[in-house]
Amino acid sequence: MKPTAFVAPIVLCALLFATAAHALSLDALSNKDASGGLKEALVQGAGKAVATLGRPDGFLGNPKVKIPLPESLQQVEGMMRTFGLGKQADELVTTMNRAAEAAVPEAKTLLVNSVKQMSVQDAKGILTGGDDAATQYFKRTTSGPLAEKFRPIVKSAMQKVKLAEKYDQFAGKAAQFGLVKAEDAHLENYVTRKALDGLYLMIAEEEKAIRKDPVSAAGSLARKAFGVLQ
């Protein structure tokens, strides 16, 4: 028999061995190690995301999360600049981003509580899930409560800018004719949604970094939990 005839069985055996070894190594983690290590890493990742965004220029200075006017009204922004109202347009965009920066620190407590309430089954599912499994867990468990927390902070910040009130008046009428999405008709709702999008984006980046390099995760339990999957 030609040597190449042995290649397929050998490869298959190697794959089966690797799969079995992976399962055994994960099973070797105690429930305490699995949930404790993951929680430790997620608290760190969420904390970093909040700290990155919840400061001056956290949104405004980061192209990944900077909040522009709603797409449907960006033509209006162009007209404002054409008629010498660029300063007002810049003020509105700056205020939207400052509002998001002011709201994001409120997320930390809810994110940490979500981690504390995580079950062992949730923890092991996240450990073996995709690169954003933890981020999706956060979205499921915190997006509603976070929106409720963010909205009044955003509204308070936006009320300081008279142009925001004019935006709401214009967008409300435009929404009746289908020119603006109903969800974007009130600026506070739009900014709240974009603030959440930015927060989960940064959490996803932190999660991806921890999965790629478990050693960077704070604490021995986190390294043990993620390291076994390498």
Protein backbone atom coordinates (compact mmCIF):
# COMPACT_ATOMS: atom_id res chain seq x y z
CA MET A 1 0.00 0.00 0.00
CA LYS A 2 1.26 3.45 -0.87
CA PRO A 3 2.32 5.69 2.05
CA THR A 4 -0.31 8.24 1.04
CA ALA A 5 -2.99 5.68 1.81
CA PHE A 6 -2.22 6.14 5.50
CA VAL A 7 -2.57 9.93 5.42
CA ALA A 8 -6.37 10.17 5.68
CA PRO A 9 -6.69 7.75 8.65
CA ILE A 10 -3.81 9.47 10.44
CA VAL A 11 -5.32 12.92 9.96
CA LEU A 12 -8.72 11.67 11.10
CA CYS A 13 -7.22 10.10 14.23
CA ALA A 14 -5.36 13.31 15.00
CA LEU A 15 -8.52 15.37 14.69
CA LEU A 16 -10.47 12.97 16.88
CA PHE A 17 -7.70 13.02 19.46
CA ALA A 18 -7.59 16.83 19.45
CA THR A 19 -11.37 17.06 19.83
CA ALA A 20 -11.37 14.55 22.67
CA ALA A 21 -8.48 16.31 24.38
CA HIS A 22 -10.31 19.63 24.11
CA ALA A 23 -13.46 18.13 25.65
CA LEU A 24 -11.49 16.51 28.45
CA SER A 25 -9.59 19.70 29.20
CA LEU A 26 -12.82 21.69 29.39
CA ASP A 27 -14.48 19.04 31.54
CA ALA A 28 -11.43 19.15 33.80
CA LEU A 29 -12.33 22.70 34.69
CA SER A 30 -14.43 22.71 37.81
CA ASN A 31 -17.67 24.69 37.74
CA LYS A 32 -15.99 27.17 40.07
CA ASP A 33 -13.00 27.59 37.76
CA ALA A 34 -15.11 27.93 34.63
CA SER A 35 -17.55 30.50 35.97
CA GLY A 36 -15.06 32.25 38.25
CA GLY A 37 -12.43 32.63 35.56
CA LEU A 38 -14.86 33.87 32.95
CA LYS A 39 -16.50 36.34 35.32
CA GLU A 40 -13.10 37.69 36.30
CA ALA A 41 -12.20 38.29 32.65
CA LEU A 42 -15.58 39.78 31.73
CA VAL A 43 -15.55 42.24 34.60
CA GLN A 44 -12.12 43.37 33.41
CA GLY A 45 -13.21 43.65 29.77
CA ALA A 46 -16.42 45.51 30.56
CA GLY A 47 -14.57 47.85 32.90
CA LYS A 48 -12.03 48.71 30.20
CA ALA A 49 -14.75 49.36 27.63
CA VAL A 50 -16.61 51.69 29.99
CA ALA A 51 -13.41 53.50 30.96
CA THR A 52 -12.42 53.96 27.32
CA LEU A 53 -15.75 55.47 26.29
CA GLY A 54 -16.85 57.24 29.46
CA ARG A 55 -14.31 60.05 29.29
CA PRO A 56 -13.82 63.21 27.20
CA ASP A 57 -13.44 62.24 23.53
CA GLY A 58 -14.26 58.61 24.33
CA PHE A 59 -16.84 58.77 21.54
CA LEU A 60 -16.02 62.02 19.78
CA GLY A 61 -12.34 61.14 19.33
CA ASN A 62 -12.86 57.52 18.28
CA PRO A 63 -13.89 57.02 14.62
CA LYS A 64 -15.17 53.52 15.43
CA VAL A 65 -17.91 54.83 17.72
CA LYS A 66 -18.26 58.55 16.97
CA ILE A 67 -21.95 59.41 16.65
CA PRO A 68 -22.91 61.35 13.49
CA LEU A 69 -26.31 62.79 12.68
CA PRO A 70 -28.74 60.09 11.54
CA GLU A 71 -28.01 59.10 7.97
CA SER A 72 -31.38 60.34 6.80
CA LEU A 73 -30.54 63.86 8.05
CA GLN A 74 -26.96 64.13 6.94
CA GLN A 75 -28.14 66.00 3.86
CA VAL A 76 -29.62 68.58 6.21
CA GLU A 77 -26.23 68.85 7.89
CA GLY A 78 -24.71 69.55 4.47
CA MET A 79 -27.24 72.31 3.83
CA MET A 80 -26.49 73.85 7.21
CA ARG A 81 -22.82 74.04 6.33
CA THR A 82 -23.64 75.49 2.90
CA PHE A 83 -25.55 78.31 4.56
CA GLY A 84 -22.83 79.08 7.10
CA LEU A 85 -24.32 77.05 9.94
CA GLY A 86 -21.41 74.64 10.19
CA LYS A 87 -20.65 75.76 13.74
CA GLN A 88 -24.14 74.82 14.88
CA ALA A 89 -23.91 71.45 13.13
CA ASP A 90 -20.57 70.76 14.81
CA GLU A 91 -22.05 71.81 18.16
CA LEU A 92 -24.90 69.34 17.77
CA VAL A 93 -22.61 66.46 16.79
CA THR A 94 -20.25 67.30 19.67
CA THR A 95 -23.14 67.44 22.13
CA MET A 96 -24.48 64.07 21.00
CA ASN A 97 -21.10 62.48 21.61
CA ARG A 98 -20.61 64.26 24.93
CA ALA A 99 -24.01 62.97 26.01
CA ALA A 100 -22.96 59.41 25.19
CA GLU A 101 -19.70 59.88 27.11
CA ALA A 102 -21.66 61.09 30.12
CA ALA A 103 -24.08 58.16 30.00
CA VAL A 104 -21.67 55.25 29.55
CA PRO A 105 -20.20 55.22 33.11
CA GLU A 106 -23.70 54.29 34.31
CA ALA A 107 -23.26 50.97 32.52
CA LYS A 108 -20.59 49.56 34.81
CA THR A 109 -22.84 48.52 37.68
CA LEU A 110 -25.38 46.82 35.40
CA LEU A 111 -22.66 44.99 33.47
CA VAL A 112 -21.01 43.75 36.66
CA ASN A 113 -24.38 42.62 38.07
CA SER A 114 -25.06 40.74 34.84
CA VAL A 115 -21.74 38.92 35.26
CA LYS A 116 -22.53 38.05 38.89
CA GLN A 117 -25.88 36.55 37.89
CA MET A 118 -24.32 34.38 35.17
CA SER A 119 -24.98 30.66 35.56
CA VAL A 120 -22.32 27.96 35.19
CA GLN A 121 -24.09 26.80 32.03
CA ASP A 122 -23.89 30.35 30.64
CA ALA A 123 -20.20 30.50 31.52
CA LYS A 124 -19.26 27.25 29.78
CA GLY A 125 -21.40 28.20 26.77
CA ILE A 126 -19.53 31.49 26.46
CA LEU A 127 -16.15 29.81 26.87
CA THR A 128 -16.86 27.48 23.96
CA GLY A 129 -18.82 30.00 21.91
CA GLY A 130 -17.74 32.36 19.17
CA ASP A 131 -15.48 35.37 19.54
CA ASP A 132 -18.41 37.54 20.64
CA ALA A 133 -20.37 35.04 22.74
CA ALA A 134 -19.88 37.08 25.91
CA THR A 135 -20.81 40.31 24.14
CA GLN A 136 -24.04 38.72 22.92
CA TYR A 137 -24.76 37.63 26.50
CA PHE A 138 -24.32 41.23 27.65
CA LYS A 139 -26.65 42.45 24.92
CA ARG A 140 -29.35 39.97 25.94
CA THR A 141 -29.14 40.78 29.62
CA THR A 142 -28.37 44.50 29.76
CA SER A 143 -29.51 46.35 26.62
CA GLY A 144 -33.01 47.12 27.93
CA PRO A 145 -31.99 48.32 31.42
CA LEU A 146 -29.01 50.25 30.00
CA ALA A 147 -31.24 52.10 27.54
CA GLU A 148 -33.47 53.16 30.43
CA LYS A 149 -30.45 54.42 32.36
CA PHE A 150 -28.83 56.17 29.40
CA ARG A 151 -31.89 57.97 28.04
CA PRO A 152 -32.47 60.55 30.83
CA ILE A 153 -28.75 61.39 30.95
CA VAL A 154 -28.65 61.86 27.19
CA LYS A 155 -31.85 63.93 27.27
CA SER A 156 -30.46 66.21 29.96
CA ALA A 157 -27.28 66.80 27.96
CA MET A 158 -29.16 67.40 24.72
CA GLN A 159 -31.54 69.95 26.27
CA LYS A 160 -28.59 72.28 26.74
CA VAL A 161 -28.42 72.74 22.96
CA LYS A 162 -31.31 74.66 21.39
CA LEU A 163 -30.54 73.06 18.04
CA ALA A 164 -31.45 69.67 19.49
CA GLU A 165 -34.99 70.90 20.10
CA LYS A 166 -35.21 72.14 16.50
CA TYR A 167 -33.91 68.78 15.32
CA ASP A 168 -36.70 66.97 17.17
CA GLN A 169 -39.30 69.29 15.66
CA PHE A 170 -38.00 68.81 12.14
CA ALA A 171 -37.39 65.07 12.47
CA GLY A 172 -40.81 64.50 14.00
CA LYS A 173 -42.49 66.05 10.96
CA ALA A 174 -40.12 64.31 8.54
CA ALA A 175 -40.89 60.94 10.15
CA GLN A 176 -44.58 61.40 9.33
CA PHE A 177 -43.66 61.46 5.65
CA GLY A 178 -41.21 58.58 5.87
CA LEU A 179 -38.19 60.83 5.40
CA VAL A 180 -36.74 59.91 8.79
CA LYS A 181 -36.94 56.58 10.58
CA ALA A 182 -39.41 56.73 13.46
CA GLU A 183 -36.72 55.50 15.84
CA ASP A 184 -34.56 58.50 14.87
CA ALA A 185 -37.32 61.09 15.19
CA HIS A 186 -36.20 61.96 18.73
CA LEU A 187 -32.53 62.71 19.11
CA GLU A 188 -32.28 61.26 22.63
CA ASN A 189 -33.45 57.85 21.37
CA TYR A 190 -30.98 57.90 18.51
CA VAL A 191 -28.03 58.92 20.71
CA THR A 192 -28.99 56.33 23.34
CA ARG A 193 -29.04 53.57 20.72
CA LYS A 194 -25.72 54.66 19.22
CA ALA A 195 -24.15 54.88 22.69
CA LEU A 196 -25.17 51.28 23.34
CA ASP A 197 -23.84 50.20 19.94
CA GLY A 198 -20.49 51.81 20.76
CA LEU A 199 -20.35 50.22 24.19
CA TYR A 200 -21.01 46.70 22.89
CA LEU A 201 -18.51 47.22 20.09
CA MET A 202 -15.78 48.04 22.59
CA ILE A 203 -16.78 45.13 24.82
CA ALA A 204 -16.51 42.84 21.77
CA GLU A 205 -13.00 44.12 21.08
CA GLU A 206 -11.98 43.46 24.68
CA GLU A 207 -13.48 39.96 24.51
CA LYS A 208 -11.65 39.17 21.29
CA ALA A 209 -8.35 40.36 22.78
CA ILE A 210 -8.78 38.19 25.89
CA ARG A 211 -9.62 35.12 23.83
CA LYS A 212 -6.58 35.71 21.64
CA ASP A 213 -4.22 36.19 24.58
CA PRO A 214 -5.63 34.68 27.80
CA VAL A 215 -2.42 35.56 29.68
CA SER A 216 -3.45 39.22 29.45
CA ALA A 217 -6.64 38.46 31.36
CA ALA A 218 -6.42 39.61 34.96
CA GLY A 219 -6.06 36.85 37.55
CA SER A 220 -5.10 33.20 37.51
CA LEU A 221 -8.67 31.91 37.21
CA ALA A 222 -9.24 33.87 34.00
CA ARG A 223 -6.00 32.57 32.51
CA LYS A 224 -6.95 29.04 33.48
CA ALA A 225 -10.46 29.27 32.05
CA PHE A 226 -9.48 30.75 28.66
CA GLY A 227 -6.06 29.11 28.47
CA VAL A 228 -7.52 25.60 28.43
CA LEU A 229 -9.20 26.42 25.13
CA GLN A 230 -5.94 27.34 23.38
